[in-house]
Amino acid sequence: MNRSDLVLLNVILFASIVGAMATASAHSFPEQETPSAGATITEAPGQVTIKYDAPIEKLFASLEVLNSAGQNMATGPAEVSSDGWKLSVPVNKLQPGEYTVQWRVVCIDTHHTQGSYSFTVEGPHS
């Protein structure tokens, strides 16, 4: 292998690494949740919202808010904001307890991501 072949090989290798890094960062992940992950809140929310770090596809987004029995507490379908950055779902009046939020989205570049987090609605104090 001569010097020009070695330089070309290094350029191709570098471009592959940079391309892989750019692809890995193209997934949509939560940037902010309302209620927040791990939060204990005193007032039950009327909806659950997740803001993502990249726009998501409207057709492939799902968001569920599950109670401790595994029942989805959503009162309607999940909706993506017009700019594609937020996913929200209206929920029934949440009783005191722990809730699990499960989300699945597809980034506008077709990468799939999913995850979950929990929050707690606090009951009345004695």
N, C-alpha and C. Protein backbone atom coordinates (compact mmCIF):
# COMPACT_ATOMS: atom_id res chain seq x y z
N MET A 1 0.85 -1.17 0.00
CA MET A 1 0.00 0.00 0.00
C MET A 1 0.90 1.24 0.00
N ASN A 2 0.66 2.13 -0.97
CA ASN A 2 1.49 3.33 -1.03
C ASN A 2 0.89 4.44 -0.17
N ARG A 3 1.61 5.54 -0.08
CA ARG A 3 1.22 6.65 0.79
C ARG A 3 -0.14 7.24 0.42
N SER A 4 -0.44 7.43 -0.86
CA SER A 4 -1.73 8.01 -1.26
C SER A 4 -2.89 7.06 -0.92
N ASP A 5 -2.67 5.75 -1.02
CA ASP A 5 -3.71 4.79 -0.63
C ASP A 5 -3.96 4.87 0.87
N LEU A 6 -2.91 5.03 1.65
CA LEU A 6 -3.04 5.12 3.10
C LEU A 6 -3.78 6.39 3.51
N VAL A 7 -3.48 7.50 2.85
CA VAL A 7 -4.18 8.76 3.12
C VAL A 7 -5.66 8.62 2.77
N LEU A 8 -5.96 8.02 1.62
CA LEU A 8 -7.35 7.82 1.21
C LEU A 8 -8.08 6.92 2.20
N LEU A 9 -7.44 5.87 2.65
CA LEU A 9 -8.04 4.97 3.63
C LEU A 9 -8.34 5.70 4.94
N ASN A 10 -7.43 6.55 5.39
CA ASN A 10 -7.65 7.33 6.61
C ASN A 10 -8.81 8.32 6.45
N VAL A 11 -8.92 8.94 5.30
CA VAL A 11 -10.01 9.88 5.03
C VAL A 11 -11.34 9.13 5.05
N ILE A 12 -11.39 7.97 4.43
CA ILE A 12 -12.63 7.17 4.41
C ILE A 12 -12.99 6.73 5.83
N LEU A 13 -12.01 6.28 6.58
CA LEU A 13 -12.24 5.86 7.96
C LEU A 13 -12.76 7.02 8.81
N PHE A 14 -12.15 8.18 8.68
CA PHE A 14 -12.58 9.37 9.43
C PHE A 14 -14.02 9.75 9.06
N ALA A 15 -14.33 9.75 7.76
CA ALA A 15 -15.67 10.09 7.30
C ALA A 15 -16.69 9.09 7.83
N SER A 16 -16.33 7.83 7.90
CA SER A 16 -17.24 6.81 8.43
C SER A 16 -17.53 7.03 9.90
N ILE A 17 -16.50 7.37 10.66
CA ILE A 17 -16.68 7.61 12.09
C ILE A 17 -17.55 8.84 12.32
N VAL A 18 -17.29 9.92 11.61
CA VAL A 18 -18.09 11.14 11.74
C VAL A 18 -19.52 10.88 11.32
N GLY A 19 -19.72 10.13 10.25
CA GLY A 19 -21.07 9.81 9.79
C GLY A 19 -21.82 8.97 10.80
N ALA A 20 -21.15 8.03 11.42
CA ALA A 20 -21.79 7.19 12.45
C ALA A 20 -22.17 8.03 13.65
N MET A 21 -21.33 8.97 14.04
CA MET A 21 -21.64 9.84 15.18
C MET A 21 -22.84 10.71 14.86
N ALA A 22 -22.92 11.23 13.65
CA ALA A 22 -24.06 12.07 13.26
C ALA A 22 -25.34 11.26 13.25
N THR A 23 -25.27 10.02 12.78
CA THR A 23 -26.44 9.16 12.76
C THR A 23 -26.91 8.85 14.17
N ALA A 24 -25.98 8.56 15.06
CA ALA A 24 -26.34 8.23 16.44
C ALA A 24 -27.02 9.39 17.14
N SER A 25 -26.65 10.61 16.81
CA SER A 25 -27.24 11.76 17.47
C SER A 25 -28.56 12.18 16.84
N ALA A 26 -29.00 11.49 15.80
CA ALA A 26 -30.22 11.87 15.10
C ALA A 26 -31.48 11.29 15.72
N HIS A 27 -31.36 10.48 16.75
CA HIS A 27 -32.52 9.92 17.42
C HIS A 27 -33.21 10.99 18.26
N SER A 28 -34.53 10.86 18.39
CA SER A 28 -35.29 11.79 19.23
C SER A 28 -35.40 11.22 20.65
N PHE A 29 -34.94 12.00 21.62
CA PHE A 29 -35.03 11.61 23.02
C PHE A 29 -35.67 12.74 23.81
N PRO A 30 -36.36 12.38 24.90
CA PRO A 30 -36.98 13.43 25.72
C PRO A 30 -35.96 14.44 26.23
N GLU A 31 -36.34 15.68 26.13
CA GLU A 31 -35.52 16.77 26.63
C GLU A 31 -36.15 17.35 27.91
N GLN A 32 -37.49 17.28 27.97
CA GLN A 32 -38.21 17.80 29.13
C GLN A 32 -39.56 17.08 29.22
N GLU A 33 -39.91 16.65 30.43
CA GLU A 33 -41.19 15.99 30.66
C GLU A 33 -42.03 16.83 31.61
N THR A 34 -43.35 16.79 31.41
CA THR A 34 -44.29 17.44 32.33
C THR A 34 -45.43 16.47 32.59
N PRO A 35 -45.56 15.93 33.80
CA PRO A 35 -44.69 16.05 34.96
C PRO A 35 -43.32 15.44 34.69
N SER A 36 -42.35 15.90 35.44
CA SER A 36 -40.96 15.46 35.26
C SER A 36 -40.77 14.02 35.71
N ALA A 37 -39.77 13.38 35.11
CA ALA A 37 -39.40 12.02 35.49
C ALA A 37 -39.00 12.01 36.96
N GLY A 38 -39.59 11.09 37.73
CA GLY A 38 -39.25 10.95 39.14
C GLY A 38 -39.93 11.95 40.06
N ALA A 39 -40.74 12.84 39.52
CA ALA A 39 -41.36 13.89 40.33
C ALA A 39 -42.45 13.33 41.23
N THR A 40 -42.63 13.99 42.35
CA THR A 40 -43.79 13.77 43.21
C THR A 40 -44.55 15.08 43.20
N ILE A 41 -45.79 15.02 42.70
CA ILE A 41 -46.59 16.23 42.54
C ILE A 41 -47.81 16.17 43.44
N THR A 42 -48.31 17.32 43.84
CA THR A 42 -49.47 17.38 44.72
C THR A 42 -50.76 17.59 43.95
N GLU A 43 -50.67 18.16 42.77
CA GLU A 43 -51.85 18.41 41.95
C GLU A 43 -51.79 17.57 40.69
N ALA A 44 -52.83 16.77 40.45
CA ALA A 44 -52.86 15.89 39.29
C ALA A 44 -52.89 16.71 38.00
N PRO A 45 -52.09 16.33 37.00
CA PRO A 45 -52.07 17.07 35.74
C PRO A 45 -53.27 16.71 34.87
N GLY A 46 -53.64 17.61 33.98
CA GLY A 46 -54.70 17.33 33.01
C GLY A 46 -54.16 16.69 31.75
N GLN A 47 -52.85 16.77 31.59
CA GLN A 47 -52.20 16.11 30.45
C GLN A 47 -50.75 15.84 30.79
N VAL A 48 -50.15 14.95 30.03
CA VAL A 48 -48.74 14.62 30.16
C VAL A 48 -48.09 15.03 28.84
N THR A 49 -46.95 15.72 28.93
CA THR A 49 -46.27 16.24 27.74
C THR A 49 -44.78 15.91 27.79
N ILE A 50 -44.25 15.53 26.65
CA ILE A 50 -42.81 15.31 26.51
C ILE A 50 -42.31 16.18 25.36
N LYS A 51 -41.28 16.97 25.63
CA LYS A 51 -40.60 17.76 24.59
C LYS A 51 -39.35 16.99 24.20
N TYR A 52 -39.16 16.79 22.92
CA TYR A 52 -38.02 16.02 22.40
C TYR A 52 -36.90 16.92 21.91
N ASP A 53 -35.71 16.33 21.76
CA ASP A 53 -34.55 17.10 21.32
C ASP A 53 -34.43 17.15 19.79
N ALA A 54 -35.38 16.54 19.09
CA ALA A 54 -35.45 16.58 17.64
C ALA A 54 -36.91 16.36 17.25
N PRO A 55 -37.34 16.86 16.10
CA PRO A 55 -38.74 16.68 15.69
C PRO A 55 -39.09 15.21 15.50
N ILE A 56 -40.36 14.88 15.78
CA ILE A 56 -40.84 13.51 15.64
C ILE A 56 -41.95 13.44 14.60
N GLU A 57 -42.15 12.24 14.05
CA GLU A 57 -43.21 12.01 13.06
C GLU A 57 -44.56 11.89 13.77
N LYS A 58 -45.57 12.54 13.25
CA LYS A 58 -46.89 12.52 13.86
C LYS A 58 -47.57 11.15 13.78
N LEU A 59 -47.39 10.45 12.69
CA LEU A 59 -48.09 9.19 12.47
C LEU A 59 -47.62 8.04 13.35
N PHE A 60 -46.41 8.11 13.86
CA PHE A 60 -45.84 6.98 14.57
C PHE A 60 -45.56 7.25 16.05
N ALA A 61 -46.17 8.27 16.62
CA ALA A 61 -45.92 8.63 18.01
C ALA A 61 -47.00 8.04 18.91
N SER A 62 -46.57 7.48 20.04
CA SER A 62 -47.55 7.01 21.02
C SER A 62 -47.09 7.40 22.42
N LEU A 63 -48.07 7.66 23.27
CA LEU A 63 -47.80 8.08 24.65
C LEU A 63 -48.92 7.52 25.52
N GLU A 64 -48.54 6.74 26.51
CA GLU A 64 -49.50 6.16 27.45
C GLU A 64 -49.11 6.55 28.87
N VAL A 65 -50.11 6.72 29.71
CA VAL A 65 -49.90 7.01 31.13
C VAL A 65 -50.61 5.89 31.88
N LEU A 66 -49.82 4.98 32.44
CA LEU A 66 -50.37 3.79 33.06
C LEU A 66 -50.41 3.90 34.57
N ASN A 67 -51.55 3.50 35.17
CA ASN A 67 -51.63 3.47 36.63
C ASN A 67 -50.99 2.18 37.14
N SER A 68 -51.02 1.95 38.45
CA SER A 68 -50.35 0.79 39.03
C SER A 68 -50.97 -0.54 38.58
N ALA A 69 -52.21 -0.51 38.10
CA ALA A 69 -52.87 -1.71 37.58
C ALA A 69 -52.60 -1.92 36.09
N GLY A 70 -51.84 -0.99 35.48
CA GLY A 70 -51.52 -1.11 34.06
C GLY A 70 -52.56 -0.54 33.13
N GLN A 71 -53.55 0.17 33.67
CA GLN A 71 -54.59 0.79 32.84
C GLN A 71 -54.08 2.12 32.29
N ASN A 72 -54.35 2.34 31.00
CA ASN A 72 -53.97 3.60 30.38
C ASN A 72 -54.98 4.67 30.80
N MET A 73 -54.49 5.74 31.38
CA MET A 73 -55.34 6.80 31.91
C MET A 73 -55.62 7.92 30.89
N ALA A 74 -55.17 7.75 29.65
CA ALA A 74 -55.40 8.76 28.61
C ALA A 74 -56.89 8.86 28.28
N THR A 75 -57.35 10.07 28.05
CA THR A 75 -58.75 10.28 27.68
C THR A 75 -58.90 10.55 26.19
N GLY A 76 -57.82 10.50 25.46
CA GLY A 76 -57.85 10.73 24.02
C GLY A 76 -56.52 10.29 23.43
N PRO A 77 -56.40 10.46 22.13
CA PRO A 77 -55.15 10.04 21.48
C PRO A 77 -54.00 11.00 21.78
N ALA A 78 -52.79 10.47 21.69
CA ALA A 78 -51.59 11.31 21.82
C ALA A 78 -51.52 12.23 20.61
N GLU A 79 -51.06 13.46 20.84
CA GLU A 79 -50.95 14.43 19.75
C GLU A 79 -49.55 15.03 19.71
N VAL A 80 -49.06 15.22 18.49
CA VAL A 80 -47.77 15.86 18.26
C VAL A 80 -48.04 17.32 17.93
N SER A 81 -47.27 18.23 18.53
CA SER A 81 -47.44 19.66 18.27
C SER A 81 -47.18 19.96 16.80
N SER A 82 -47.68 21.08 16.34
CA SER A 82 -47.55 21.43 14.92
C SER A 82 -46.10 21.56 14.47
N ASP A 83 -45.20 21.91 15.39
CA ASP A 83 -43.78 22.01 15.02
C ASP A 83 -43.04 20.67 15.14
N GLY A 84 -43.73 19.64 15.68
CA GLY A 84 -43.14 18.30 15.76
C GLY A 84 -42.23 18.05 16.95
N TRP A 85 -42.12 18.98 17.88
CA TRP A 85 -41.17 18.84 18.99
C TRP A 85 -41.80 18.32 20.27
N LYS A 86 -43.14 18.34 20.40
CA LYS A 86 -43.79 17.93 21.64
C LYS A 86 -44.84 16.87 21.37
N LEU A 87 -44.94 15.94 22.31
CA LEU A 87 -45.95 14.89 22.28
C LEU A 87 -46.73 14.99 23.58
N SER A 88 -48.06 15.03 23.50
CA SER A 88 -48.86 15.16 24.72
C SER A 88 -50.12 14.30 24.61
N VAL A 89 -50.66 13.98 25.78
CA VAL A 89 -51.90 13.21 25.84
C VAL A 89 -52.71 13.71 27.04
N PRO A 90 -54.03 13.92 26.85
CA PRO A 90 -54.88 14.29 27.98
C PRO A 90 -55.12 13.06 28.85
N VAL A 91 -55.24 13.27 30.16
CA VAL A 91 -55.46 12.15 31.08
C VAL A 91 -56.66 12.40 31.99
N ASN A 92 -57.26 11.30 32.46
CA ASN A 92 -58.31 11.36 33.47
C ASN A 92 -57.75 12.00 34.73
N LYS A 93 -58.63 12.41 35.63
CA LYS A 93 -58.19 12.92 36.94
C LYS A 93 -57.41 11.80 37.62
N LEU A 94 -56.13 12.01 37.80
CA LEU A 94 -55.27 10.98 38.36
C LEU A 94 -55.40 10.95 39.87
N GLN A 95 -55.67 9.78 40.40
CA GLN A 95 -55.76 9.58 41.84
C GLN A 95 -54.36 9.47 42.42
N PRO A 96 -54.19 9.63 43.72
CA PRO A 96 -52.87 9.45 44.32
C PRO A 96 -52.29 8.09 43.97
N GLY A 97 -51.01 8.08 43.64
CA GLY A 97 -50.33 6.85 43.29
C GLY A 97 -49.20 7.10 42.30
N GLU A 98 -48.56 6.01 41.90
CA GLU A 98 -47.46 6.10 40.95
C GLU A 98 -47.96 5.81 39.54
N TYR A 99 -47.46 6.56 38.58
CA TYR A 99 -47.85 6.41 37.18
C TYR A 99 -46.61 6.22 36.33
N THR A 100 -46.75 5.38 35.31
CA THR A 100 -45.65 5.13 34.38
C THR A 100 -46.02 5.70 33.03
N VAL A 101 -45.15 6.52 32.50
CA VAL A 101 -45.34 7.10 31.17
C VAL A 101 -44.50 6.28 30.20
N GLN A 102 -45.15 5.73 29.18
CA GLN A 102 -44.45 4.97 28.14
C GLN A 102 -44.60 5.70 26.82
N TRP A 103 -43.48 5.92 26.14
CA TRP A 103 -43.50 6.65 24.88
C TRP A 103 -42.75 5.87 23.80
N ARG A 104 -43.21 6.06 22.57
CA ARG A 104 -42.54 5.51 21.39
C ARG A 104 -42.66 6.55 20.29
N VAL A 105 -41.54 6.90 19.69
CA VAL A 105 -41.56 7.88 18.61
C VAL A 105 -40.62 7.47 17.49
N VAL A 106 -40.84 8.10 16.35
CA VAL A 106 -39.95 7.96 15.21
C VAL A 106 -39.48 9.37 14.87
N CYS A 107 -38.18 9.55 14.86
CA CYS A 107 -37.59 10.83 14.49
C CYS A 107 -37.88 11.08 13.01
N ILE A 108 -37.84 12.33 12.61
CA ILE A 108 -38.13 12.64 11.20
C ILE A 108 -37.14 11.98 10.24
N ASP A 109 -35.98 11.51 10.75
CA ASP A 109 -35.04 10.78 9.89
C ASP A 109 -35.24 9.28 9.97
N THR A 110 -36.38 8.82 10.53
CA THR A 110 -36.85 7.43 10.62
C THR A 110 -36.21 6.59 11.72
N HIS A 111 -35.45 7.16 12.62
CA HIS A 111 -34.91 6.39 13.74
C HIS A 111 -35.98 6.24 14.83
N HIS A 112 -36.16 5.02 15.31
CA HIS A 112 -37.15 4.71 16.35
C HIS A 112 -36.51 4.82 17.73
N THR A 113 -37.22 5.42 18.67
CA THR A 113 -36.78 5.42 20.07
C THR A 113 -38.01 5.20 20.95
N GLN A 114 -37.77 4.66 22.11
CA GLN A 114 -38.85 4.45 23.07
C GLN A 114 -38.28 4.46 24.47
N GLY A 115 -39.16 4.64 25.42
CA GLY A 115 -38.71 4.65 26.80
C GLY A 115 -39.87 4.83 27.75
N SER A 116 -39.53 4.94 29.01
CA SER A 116 -40.56 5.14 30.02
C SER A 116 -39.95 5.86 31.22
N TYR A 117 -40.81 6.44 32.01
CA TYR A 117 -40.41 7.05 33.28
C TYR A 117 -41.63 7.07 34.19
N SER A 118 -41.40 7.33 35.45
CA SER A 118 -42.50 7.35 36.42
C SER A 118 -42.58 8.69 37.12
N PHE A 119 -43.78 8.99 37.61
CA PHE A 119 -43.99 10.13 38.50
C PHE A 119 -45.07 9.71 39.50
N THR A 120 -45.18 10.43 40.58
CA THR A 120 -46.12 10.09 41.64
C THR A 120 -47.04 11.27 41.91
N VAL A 121 -48.34 10.98 42.05
CA VAL A 121 -49.30 11.97 42.50
C VAL A 121 -49.49 11.68 43.98
N GLU A 122 -49.19 12.69 44.78
CA GLU A 122 -49.24 12.56 46.24
C GLU A 122 -50.66 12.67 46.74
N GLY A 123 -51.00 11.88 47.75
CA GLY A 123 -52.32 11.93 48.36
C GLY A 123 -52.40 13.03 49.40
N PRO A 124 -53.57 13.23 49.98
CA PRO A 124 -53.73 14.25 51.01
C PRO A 124 -52.90 13.93 52.25
N HIS A 125 -52.39 14.96 52.89
CA HIS A 125 -51.61 14.78 54.12
C HIS A 125 -52.51 14.77 55.34
N SER A 126 -52.13 14.01 56.33
CA SER A 126 -52.91 13.97 57.56
C SER A 126 -52.49 15.07 58.49
